Amino acid sequence: MSIFPLPVFEADADPARRDAISDEEQYAKLESPSTIVVRVGSMRRVAEYPYSGDAKPGCGSKMVARTHRGTELVEMLTTTCPNSGCGKAVTRTEMLDYIKASGGKDYPFRTDGRILRVATIEDLNQWSALKSLALEKVKVVRGLIEEHALDMKVVDVEPILGEEQLTIYYMSEDRVDFRVLLKSLASEFSARIEMRQVGGRDEARLVADYEKCGQHCCCKNFLKVLKPVSMRSAKVQKATLDPLKISGRCGRLMCCLRYEDQTYDDLKKRLPHRKTRVGTPEGPGIVLDSKILVQLVLVQLEEDGREIAVPVEELCDPDNCPTKPVEADPFRGLGQPAVEERTDDQTRKRGQRKSREARQSEHKTESLTEAASQAPSIGDAPAETNSNPDSDSDPTRKKRRRRRRRKSGSEAGGTSGTESATPSAEGQSDASQNPQKSAATSTDGGDAAPKKKRRRRRRKGGGGGSSDGGSGGDSGS
């Protein structure tokens, strides 16, 4: 693959087109900045201080400044004047707009101080030594707190370059009276002590480093005002509601949930609510669901019940929306004769067909009519029915009699069950021929309850008036 030189880079590489001014001469032409924006302290506060030195520092330079706390080592962010050593200078108006957008009155922005000089090697070495002793100071403070039995937790200890002041950050759920502790700390460190109570978010700003996204914690990197975050933001953005997954290093909801909250609110206002009637290019329907980011609405059509996704721009009034005509099915009628080709016989047979429900209703009507016609004959001749139990005039009683025969045969396993359950001529003849057997059956004490039931059935079936099996047979004969 061949390389084609670009004309832009060729022009820059030409020595004849370069200016003959050296880097030192270009640096000498720059003007010194008059005001510098810096980052101060462990809480990374932002301040703007005047500068009257001859050096021309750039962004990220370490400088020594006199602040409201004393002599501190600060980091240069930018300048608010043009033609300075920093090529990323901003105007005073842009700086004030940034402060207003970042929190306004709640923004920790200070101007009561000044830049002394650019930090030297001795200043940087002294600051490194002070930072290395911070852990030992934390242990000393914790020991004094245990000695005074105070309910508080030390988070961090912040010294300054001039050692005029020592700031102690602590956490406590209740108000703590540490006046005696201040005297002990002042005599221990020979400096002015400032006790500052912080919360969970400020603790993360002091001691946390990286978040689960792989970046520095927002509170430590650039956030200055830590506003509360509600669960409503997570619900609107349809994030997981598991607190372990949407919580940061501080144990609270992540601050990044607030970044897109306003955008989600603006986009959600454009979408219709659920169960509202809307119009679509395919007809009116009911809203089932909506997607905020892609601005799509899931609509169930009223005509055929289909569910379609419609962009919010295509929604219209449901009463004036266009109705999509019903498309004919191209495969309908394939494999069947056309309506015009049917003969008269086929049309006559098709009209004479009856549904299954109609046939069942007719059969039920016929059964009821037949039962009603047989009811008077049964009431007029009760003697014939009792005398001839095997007649077909009452099919219900006949079926019941057969069922009794099978049941008694299976229980007794012999002739006694059949004889007791069947008041027929055969049973009466057996009773008359073998009176001893019937007497033994009636005088048996073990089966008293079942035999009593059989006698009752015999009286009801045979119509006899005696409780004795032999006498019932005689009356029946």
Protein backbone atom coordinates (compact mmCIF):
# COMPACT_ATOMS: atom_id res chain seq x y z
CA MET A 1 0.00 0.00 0.00
CA SER A 2 1.52 3.28 -1.10
CA ILE A 3 1.60 6.37 1.14
CA PHE A 4 0.38 9.63 -0.31
CA PRO A 5 1.76 12.76 1.43
CA LEU A 6 -0.85 15.33 2.35
CA PRO A 7 -0.24 18.91 1.23
CA VAL A 8 -0.97 20.34 4.67
CA PHE A 9 1.78 18.39 6.39
CA GLU A 10 4.16 19.01 3.53
CA ALA A 11 3.70 22.74 3.95
CA ASP A 12 4.36 22.55 7.67
CA ALA A 13 7.46 20.45 7.12
CA ASP A 14 8.98 23.01 4.78
CA PRO A 15 11.66 24.94 6.72
CA ALA A 16 11.25 27.95 4.45
CA ARG A 17 7.64 28.39 5.56
CA ARG A 18 8.49 28.34 9.26
CA ASP A 19 8.97 31.50 11.32
CA ALA A 20 12.48 32.14 12.39
CA ILE A 21 11.37 33.02 15.91
CA SER A 22 12.59 30.64 18.62
CA ASP A 23 10.54 29.32 21.52
CA GLU A 24 12.20 31.70 23.96
CA GLU A 25 11.25 34.67 21.86
CA GLN A 26 7.64 33.47 21.57
CA TYR A 27 7.45 33.00 25.34
CA ALA A 28 8.89 36.47 25.89
CA LYS A 29 6.12 38.03 23.82
CA LEU A 30 3.40 36.58 26.10
CA GLU A 31 1.94 38.73 28.88
CA SER A 32 1.73 37.61 32.47
CA PRO A 33 -1.79 36.72 33.70
CA SER A 34 -3.48 39.05 36.13
CA THR A 35 -6.01 36.58 37.63
CA ILE A 36 -5.74 32.83 37.94
CA VAL A 37 -8.43 30.23 38.72
CA VAL A 38 -7.08 27.53 41.06
CA ARG A 39 -8.24 24.39 42.89
CA VAL A 40 -7.71 24.49 46.65
CA GLY A 41 -7.49 21.84 49.37
CA SER A 42 -8.62 18.26 49.74
CA MET A 43 -12.22 19.21 49.03
CA ARG A 44 -10.99 20.62 45.72
CA ARG A 45 -12.66 23.98 46.07
CA VAL A 46 -12.40 26.46 43.21
CA ALA A 47 -11.16 30.00 43.79
CA GLU A 48 -10.01 32.97 41.73
CA TYR A 49 -7.00 34.92 42.98
CA PRO A 50 -5.04 37.85 41.52
CA TYR A 51 -1.48 37.32 40.37
CA SER A 52 1.27 39.92 40.04
CA GLY A 53 4.35 37.83 39.27
CA ASP A 54 6.53 37.85 36.18
CA ALA A 55 6.30 34.12 35.47
CA LYS A 56 3.81 32.87 32.90
CA PRO A 57 2.46 29.57 34.28
CA GLY A 58 0.28 27.15 32.32
CA CYS A 59 -2.66 24.94 33.18
CA GLY A 60 -1.83 22.36 35.87
CA SER A 61 1.03 24.32 37.40
CA LYS A 62 1.50 24.14 41.18
CA MET A 63 1.47 27.54 42.88
CA VAL A 64 1.72 28.90 46.41
CA ALA A 65 -1.23 31.07 47.43
CA ARG A 66 -2.40 32.95 50.50
CA THR A 67 -5.96 31.80 51.16
CA HIS A 68 -8.48 32.34 53.98
CA ARG A 69 -6.89 29.38 55.83
CA GLY A 70 -3.21 30.31 55.40
CA THR A 71 -0.39 29.49 53.00
CA GLU A 72 -1.42 26.62 50.75
CA LEU A 73 -0.25 24.76 47.69
CA VAL A 74 -2.85 25.14 44.91
CA GLU A 75 -3.25 23.90 41.34
CA MET A 76 -3.81 26.25 38.42
CA LEU A 77 -6.91 25.55 36.30
CA THR A 78 -7.10 28.48 33.90
CA THR A 79 -6.88 32.25 33.66
CA THR A 80 -9.55 34.88 33.21
CA CYS A 81 -7.48 37.26 31.09
CA PRO A 82 -6.34 36.99 27.44
CA ASN A 83 -2.78 36.92 26.13
CA SER A 84 -1.44 35.00 29.10
CA GLY A 85 0.78 31.99 29.46
CA CYS A 86 -2.20 29.65 29.46
CA GLY A 87 -3.71 29.05 26.06
CA LYS A 88 -7.08 28.04 27.58
CA ALA A 89 -8.04 31.34 29.12
CA VAL A 90 -11.70 32.18 29.74
CA THR A 91 -13.40 35.50 30.20
CA ARG A 92 -14.83 36.81 33.45
CA THR A 93 -18.38 36.46 32.09
CA GLU A 94 -17.84 32.80 31.20
CA MET A 95 -16.47 32.18 34.68
CA LEU A 96 -19.54 33.71 36.36
CA ASP A 97 -21.86 31.73 34.08
CA TYR A 98 -20.05 28.54 35.04
CA ILE A 99 -20.49 29.35 38.74
CA LYS A 100 -24.19 30.03 38.28
CA ALA A 101 -24.74 26.80 36.36
CA SER A 102 -22.80 24.79 38.94
CA GLY A 103 -24.89 25.81 41.94
CA GLY A 104 -25.03 29.57 42.25
CA LYS A 105 -25.05 30.60 45.89
CA ASP A 106 -24.30 27.04 47.02
CA TYR A 107 -21.17 26.95 44.89
CA PRO A 108 -18.05 27.10 47.14
CA PHE A 109 -16.29 29.83 45.17
CA ARG A 110 -13.93 32.25 46.92
CA THR A 111 -11.90 35.29 45.86
CA ASP A 112 -10.39 36.41 49.20
CA GLY A 113 -6.74 35.56 48.60
CA ARG A 114 -3.83 36.03 46.19
CA ILE A 115 -1.17 34.05 44.36
CA LEU A 116 2.28 34.44 45.90
CA ARG A 117 4.54 32.58 43.48
CA VAL A 118 4.97 29.54 41.36
CA ALA A 119 5.83 26.54 43.56
CA THR A 120 9.51 25.63 43.74
CA ILE A 121 11.18 22.28 44.34
CA GLU A 122 11.52 23.08 48.07
CA ASP A 123 7.79 23.80 48.31
CA LEU A 124 6.89 20.49 46.65
CA ASN A 125 9.24 18.52 48.92
CA GLN A 126 7.84 20.17 52.03
CA TRP A 127 4.29 19.37 50.91
CA SER A 128 5.18 15.72 50.30
CA ALA A 129 6.61 15.44 53.83
CA LEU A 130 3.45 16.92 55.33
CA LYS A 131 1.23 14.52 53.40
CA SER A 132 3.27 11.54 54.57
CA LEU A 133 2.67 12.52 58.21
CA ALA A 134 -1.09 12.82 57.75
CA LEU A 135 -1.73 9.13 58.56
CA GLU A 136 0.12 9.41 61.87
CA LYS A 137 -1.90 12.48 62.76
CA VAL A 138 -5.11 10.56 62.07
CA LYS A 139 -4.04 7.90 64.60
CA VAL A 140 -3.26 10.56 67.21
CA VAL A 141 -6.67 12.19 66.73
CA ARG A 142 -8.46 8.84 67.04
CA GLY A 143 -6.60 8.10 70.26
CA LEU A 144 -7.64 11.44 71.78
CA ILE A 145 -11.25 10.85 70.74
CA GLU A 146 -11.28 7.46 72.49
CA GLU A 147 -9.70 9.05 75.53
CA HIS A 148 -12.52 11.62 75.76
CA ALA A 149 -15.17 8.96 74.90
CA LEU A 150 -16.74 10.90 72.05
CA ASP A 151 -19.13 9.33 69.53
CA MET A 152 -17.46 10.43 66.29
CA LYS A 153 -15.49 8.89 63.43
CA VAL A 154 -12.38 10.55 61.96
CA VAL A 155 -12.35 10.51 58.17
CA ASP A 156 -9.24 12.50 57.24
CA VAL A 157 -6.80 15.12 58.48
CA GLU A 158 -5.76 17.93 56.13
CA PRO A 159 -2.65 20.02 56.81
CA ILE A 160 -1.62 23.09 54.80
CA LEU A 161 1.77 24.18 53.53
CA GLY A 162 2.33 26.86 56.18
CA GLU A 163 1.09 24.56 59.03
CA GLU A 164 -0.98 27.41 60.44
CA GLN A 165 -4.15 25.33 60.49
CA LEU A 166 -5.09 21.66 60.72
CA THR A 167 -8.54 20.62 59.45
CA ILE A 168 -10.08 17.44 60.85
CA TYR A 169 -13.02 15.88 58.99
CA TYR A 170 -15.27 13.64 61.04
CA MET A 171 -18.65 11.89 60.83
CA SER A 172 -21.24 11.74 63.57
CA GLU A 173 -24.96 11.11 63.69
CA ASP A 174 -25.55 13.43 66.65
CA ARG A 175 -24.18 16.75 67.75
CA VAL A 176 -20.84 16.39 69.57
CA ASP A 177 -19.39 18.69 72.21
CA PHE A 178 -15.66 18.62 71.43
CA ARG A 179 -14.49 21.77 73.24
CA VAL A 180 -12.23 19.76 75.56
CA LEU A 181 -10.94 17.80 72.57
CA LEU A 182 -9.97 21.02 70.77
CA LYS A 183 -7.71 22.06 73.62
CA SER A 184 -5.96 18.69 73.58
CA LEU A 185 -5.51 18.81 69.79
CA ALA A 186 -4.20 22.39 69.81
CA SER A 187 -1.57 21.56 72.43
CA GLU A 188 -0.62 18.37 70.53
CA PHE A 189 -0.12 19.90 67.05
CA SER A 190 0.61 23.56 67.95
CA ALA A 191 -1.74 24.85 65.27
CA ARG A 192 -5.26 26.19 64.85
CA ILE A 193 -7.70 23.26 64.73
CA GLU A 194 -10.83 23.27 62.57
CA MET A 195 -13.37 20.50 63.11
CA ARG A 196 -15.62 19.96 60.08
CA GLN A 197 -18.50 17.49 60.11
CA VAL A 198 -19.14 15.73 56.78
CA GLY A 199 -21.63 13.23 55.39
CA GLY A 200 -21.38 10.14 53.26
CA ARG A 201 -20.87 12.02 49.99
CA ASP A 202 -18.14 14.25 51.41
CA GLU A 203 -16.42 11.18 52.82
CA ALA A 204 -16.32 9.67 49.35
CA ARG A 205 -14.94 12.94 48.01
CA LEU A 206 -12.09 12.76 50.53
CA VAL A 207 -11.07 9.10 50.50
CA ALA A 208 -12.63 7.47 47.40
CA ASP A 209 -10.77 7.05 44.15
CA TYR A 210 -12.49 5.19 41.30
CA GLU A 211 -16.12 4.27 40.69
CA LYS A 212 -17.51 1.10 39.09
CA CYS A 213 -17.62 2.85 35.70
CA GLY A 214 -13.81 3.02 35.69
CA GLN A 215 -13.61 6.81 36.10
CA HIS A 216 -12.74 8.97 39.08
CA CYS A 217 -15.63 9.62 41.42
CA CYS A 218 -17.63 12.58 40.17
CA CYS A 219 -17.70 14.15 43.62
CA LYS A 220 -13.91 14.10 43.73
CA ASN A 221 -13.30 15.04 40.12
CA PHE A 222 -15.53 17.97 39.25
CA LEU A 223 -18.78 18.12 41.26
CA LYS A 224 -18.86 20.97 43.77
CA VAL A 225 -22.48 20.92 44.95
CA LEU A 226 -23.75 17.45 45.89
CA LYS A 227 -27.51 17.65 45.53
CA PRO A 228 -29.70 14.75 46.73
CA VAL A 229 -30.77 12.07 44.23
CA SER A 230 -34.23 10.46 44.50
CA MET A 231 -35.44 7.03 43.43
CA ARG A 232 -37.81 8.71 40.99
CA SER A 233 -34.88 9.40 38.65
CA ALA A 234 -34.03 5.69 38.53
CA LYS A 235 -37.68 4.78 37.85
CA VAL A 236 -38.04 7.33 35.04
CA GLN A 237 -34.84 6.12 33.40
CA LYS A 238 -36.04 2.51 33.88
CA ALA A 239 -32.82 1.52 35.58
CA THR A 240 -32.61 -1.42 37.94
CA LEU A 241 -34.10 -0.70 41.36
CA ASP A 242 -31.52 -2.80 43.18
CA PRO A 243 -29.84 -0.38 45.65
CA LEU A 244 -26.54 -2.24 45.40
CA LYS A 245 -26.31 -1.61 41.65
CA ILE A 246 -27.33 2.05 41.58
CA SER A 247 -25.42 3.17 44.69
CA GLY A 248 -21.96 4.71 44.66
CA ARG A 249 -18.98 4.55 46.99
CA CYS A 250 -20.82 6.72 49.51
CA GLY A 251 -23.71 4.25 49.83
CA ARG A 252 -26.18 6.74 48.33
CA LEU A 253 -27.73 6.82 44.88
CA MET A 254 -25.15 7.65 42.21
CA CYS A 255 -24.89 11.29 41.23
CA CYS A 256 -24.88 10.42 37.53
CA LEU A 257 -28.60 9.65 37.77
CA ARG A 258 -29.15 13.41 37.87
CA TYR A 259 -27.28 14.10 34.66
CA GLU A 260 -30.02 12.88 32.31
CA ASP A 261 -32.96 13.50 34.63
CA GLN A 262 -33.99 16.75 32.94
CA THR A 263 -33.66 15.19 29.49
CA TYR A 264 -35.86 12.26 30.47
CA ASP A 265 -38.47 14.64 31.88
CA ASP A 266 -38.58 16.65 28.66
CA LEU A 267 -38.86 13.54 26.49
CA LYS A 268 -41.49 11.95 28.73
CA LYS A 269 -43.76 14.98 28.44
CA ARG A 270 -44.05 14.35 24.68
CA LEU A 271 -45.36 10.80 25.14
CA PRO A 272 -49.03 9.99 25.85
CA HIS A 273 -50.05 8.26 29.05
CA ARG A 274 -50.98 4.60 29.21
CA LYS A 275 -54.54 3.47 28.42
CA THR A 276 -55.23 6.64 26.45
CA ARG A 277 -56.89 6.58 23.06
CA VAL A 278 -54.72 7.86 20.21
CA GLY A 279 -54.84 7.89 16.44
CA THR A 280 -52.32 6.13 14.20
CA PRO A 281 -51.89 5.84 10.41
CA GLU A 282 -53.58 2.43 10.66
CA GLY A 283 -56.51 3.55 12.79
CA PRO A 284 -57.34 4.43 16.42
CA GLY A 285 -55.99 2.40 19.31
CA ILE A 286 -55.09 2.26 23.00
CA VAL A 287 -51.59 3.03 24.34
CA LEU A 288 -50.02 0.03 26.08
CA ASP A 289 -46.43 1.19 26.67
CA SER A 290 -43.88 3.77 25.57
CA LYS A 291 -40.10 4.07 25.15
CA ILE A 292 -38.69 7.40 26.29
CA LEU A 293 -35.34 7.52 24.51
CA VAL A 294 -36.47 6.20 21.11
CA GLN A 295 -39.84 8.05 21.36
CA LEU A 296 -41.93 5.03 20.34
CA VAL A 297 -45.45 4.19 21.53
CA LEU A 298 -46.89 0.66 21.61
CA VAL A 299 -50.53 0.89 20.46
CA GLN A 300 -53.19 -1.83 20.31
CA LEU A 301 -55.53 -1.19 17.38
CA GLU A 302 -59.26 -1.21 18.03
CA GLU A 303 -60.13 -2.75 14.67
CA ASP A 304 -58.28 -6.06 14.76
CA GLY A 305 -56.40 -5.98 18.12
CA ARG A 306 -52.93 -5.86 16.57
CA GLU A 307 -50.07 -4.26 18.52
CA ILE A 308 -47.89 -1.85 16.55
CA ALA A 309 -45.05 0.55 17.44
CA VAL A 310 -45.69 4.08 16.26
CA PRO A 311 -43.32 7.09 16.49
CA VAL A 312 -44.68 9.91 18.57
CA GLU A 313 -44.57 12.23 15.54
CA GLU A 314 -47.14 10.09 13.69
CA LEU A 315 -49.76 10.14 16.46
CA CYS A 316 -52.91 12.16 15.73
CA ASP A 317 -56.49 12.70 16.86
CA PRO A 318 -58.27 9.31 17.20
CA ASP A 319 -61.54 10.71 15.79
CA ASN A 320 -59.92 12.13 12.66
CA CYS A 321 -57.24 9.54 12.00
CA PRO A 322 -57.27 7.73 8.63
CA THR A 323 -58.74 4.25 8.58
CA LYS A 324 -56.72 1.63 6.76
CA PRO A 325 -58.87 -0.44 4.33
CA VAL A 326 -59.07 -4.16 4.95
CA GLU A 327 -56.84 -6.01 2.52
CA ALA A 328 -58.28 -9.06 0.82
CA ASP A 329 -56.64 -12.37 1.63
CA PRO A 330 -55.03 -13.63 -1.61
CA PHE A 331 -55.06 -17.26 -0.36
CA ARG A 332 -58.70 -17.26 0.66
CA GLY A 333 -60.81 -19.76 -1.32
CA LEU A 334 -57.91 -21.72 -2.80
CA GLY A 335 -58.75 -25.41 -3.19
CA GLN A 336 -62.54 -24.83 -2.90
CA PRO A 337 -65.10 -24.34 -5.68
CA ALA A 338 -66.27 -20.82 -6.29
CA VAL A 339 -69.71 -19.69 -5.13
CA GLU A 340 -70.97 -19.26 -8.70
CA GLU A 341 -70.03 -22.84 -9.64
CA ARG A 342 -72.16 -24.50 -6.92
CA THR A 343 -75.12 -26.52 -8.13
CA ASP A 344 -78.66 -26.29 -6.83
CA ASP A 345 -78.37 -29.64 -5.02
CA GLN A 346 -75.27 -28.47 -3.12
CA THR A 347 -76.99 -25.24 -2.13
CA ARG A 348 -80.08 -27.16 -0.97
CA LYS A 349 -78.00 -29.58 1.12
CA ARG A 350 -76.00 -26.72 2.65
CA GLY A 351 -79.23 -25.04 3.78
CA GLN A 352 -80.62 -28.24 5.25
CA ARG A 353 -77.62 -28.84 7.50
CA LYS A 354 -78.20 -28.32 11.17
CA SER A 355 -75.76 -27.40 13.81
CA ARG A 356 -74.82 -29.69 16.64
CA GLU A 357 -76.47 -27.45 19.23
CA ALA A 358 -79.78 -27.52 17.31
CA ARG A 359 -79.78 -31.34 17.18
CA GLN A 360 -79.04 -31.58 20.92
CA SER A 361 -81.85 -29.18 21.76
CA GLU A 362 -84.32 -31.15 19.61
CA HIS A 363 -83.30 -34.43 21.26
CA LYS A 364 -83.75 -32.93 24.71
CA THR A 365 -87.19 -31.60 23.79
CA GLU A 366 -88.28 -35.04 22.55
CA SER A 367 -87.09 -36.70 25.81
CA LEU A 368 -89.03 -34.23 27.94
CA THR A 369 -92.19 -34.75 25.83
CA GLU A 370 -91.96 -38.53 26.14
CA ALA A 371 -91.48 -38.35 29.92
CA ALA A 372 -94.49 -36.04 30.24
CA SER A 373 -96.66 -38.43 28.20
CA GLN A 374 -95.73 -41.41 30.43
CA ALA A 375 -96.39 -39.64 33.76
CA PRO A 376 -100.24 -40.04 33.82
CA SER A 377 -100.09 -43.80 33.02
CA ILE A 378 -97.85 -44.41 36.01
CA GLY A 379 -100.12 -42.54 38.40
CA ASP A 380 -103.33 -44.21 37.16
CA ALA A 381 -102.21 -47.82 37.60
CA PRO A 382 -99.98 -48.20 40.65
CA ALA A 383 -101.04 -51.80 41.24
CA GLU A 384 -99.85 -52.95 37.85
CA THR A 385 -96.47 -51.32 38.37
CA ASN A 386 -95.99 -53.01 41.74
CA SER A 387 -97.24 -56.36 40.56
CA ASN A 388 -95.08 -56.40 37.45
CA PRO A 389 -91.73 -54.86 38.30
CA ASP A 390 -90.11 -56.14 35.12
CA SER A 391 -92.38 -54.06 32.85
CA ASP A 392 -90.94 -51.35 30.64
CA SER A 393 -93.38 -48.63 31.78
CA ASP A 394 -90.85 -47.13 34.21
CA PRO A 395 -87.30 -47.38 32.77
CA THR A 396 -85.83 -45.46 35.71
CA ARG A 397 -86.96 -48.05 38.27
CA LYS A 398 -85.79 -50.89 36.06
CA LYS A 399 -82.31 -49.46 35.83
CA ARG A 400 -82.25 -48.96 39.59
CA ARG A 401 -83.27 -52.60 40.14
CA ARG A 402 -80.46 -53.89 37.93
CA ARG A 403 -77.96 -51.73 39.76
CA ARG A 404 -79.08 -53.17 43.08
CA ARG A 405 -78.63 -56.69 41.80
CA ARG A 406 -75.03 -56.09 40.81
CA LYS A 407 -74.20 -54.33 44.08
CA SER A 408 -75.75 -56.99 46.33
CA GLY A 409 -74.12 -59.79 44.32
CA SER A 410 -70.68 -58.25 44.72
CA GLU A 411 -71.10 -57.70 48.48
CA ALA A 412 -72.69 -61.01 49.52
CA GLY A 413 -71.02 -63.09 46.85
CA GLY A 414 -73.93 -65.59 46.89
CA THR A 415 -77.64 -66.06 46.71
CA SER A 416 -78.70 -64.08 49.81
CA GLY A 417 -77.84 -60.66 48.32
CA THR A 418 -79.70 -61.43 45.11
CA GLU A 419 -82.69 -62.76 46.96
CA SER A 420 -82.90 -59.79 49.32
CA ALA A 421 -82.42 -57.18 46.55
CA THR A 422 -84.82 -58.76 43.99
CA PRO A 423 -88.48 -59.00 45.05
CA SER A 424 -89.35 -61.15 42.05
CA ALA A 425 -91.25 -64.39 41.65
CA GLU A 426 -88.03 -66.40 41.77
CA GLY A 427 -87.06 -64.88 45.10
CA GLN A 428 -90.48 -65.62 46.57
CA SER A 429 -90.36 -69.23 45.43
CA ASP A 430 -86.93 -69.70 46.99
CA ALA A 431 -88.22 -68.29 50.26
CA SER A 432 -91.23 -70.62 50.25
CA GLN A 433 -89.14 -73.68 49.36
CA ASN A 434 -86.42 -73.04 51.93
CA PRO A 435 -87.98 -71.36 54.98
CA GLN A 436 -85.13 -72.45 57.28
CA LYS A 437 -82.60 -70.50 55.25
CA SER A 438 -84.68 -67.35 55.38
CA ALA A 439 -85.25 -67.76 59.11
CA ALA A 440 -81.54 -68.20 59.72
CA THR A 441 -80.84 -65.15 57.71
CA SER A 442 -83.35 -63.07 59.63
CA THR A 443 -82.12 -64.25 63.07
CA ASP A 444 -78.40 -63.67 62.39
CA GLY A 445 -77.09 -61.06 64.83
CA GLY A 446 -73.83 -60.21 63.06
CA ASP A 447 -75.43 -58.56 60.01
CA ALA A 448 -78.30 -56.82 61.79
CA ALA A 449 -77.87 -53.38 60.26
CA PRO A 450 -77.37 -54.50 56.61
CA LYS A 451 -80.30 -56.98 56.80
CA LYS A 452 -82.53 -54.26 58.22
CA LYS A 453 -81.77 -52.13 55.19
CA ARG A 454 -82.54 -55.09 52.89
CA ARG A 455 -85.94 -55.64 54.57
CA ARG A 456 -86.79 -51.99 54.03
CA ARG A 457 -85.84 -52.22 50.39
CA ARG A 458 -87.89 -55.42 50.07
CA ARG A 459 -90.96 -53.73 51.52
CA LYS A 460 -90.55 -50.71 49.25
CA GLY A 461 -89.90 -52.79 46.14
CA GLY A 462 -92.42 -55.61 46.75
CA GLY A 463 -95.09 -53.55 48.44
CA GLY A 464 -95.48 -56.16 51.26
CA GLY A 465 -96.68 -55.26 54.73
CA SER A 466 -94.65 -57.67 56.91
CA SER A 467 -91.09 -57.35 58.13
CA ASP A 468 -90.48 -61.11 57.92
CA GLY A 469 -88.84 -62.37 54.74
CA GLY A 470 -91.09 -65.44 54.55
CA SER A 471 -94.30 -63.52 55.14
CA GLY A 472 -93.27 -60.91 52.56
CA GLY A 473 -92.83 -63.72 50.05
CA ASP A 474 -96.26 -65.13 50.93
CA SER A 475 -97.97 -61.79 50.51
CA GLY A 476 -96.20 -61.21 47.22
CA SER A 477 -97.23 -64.64 45.94
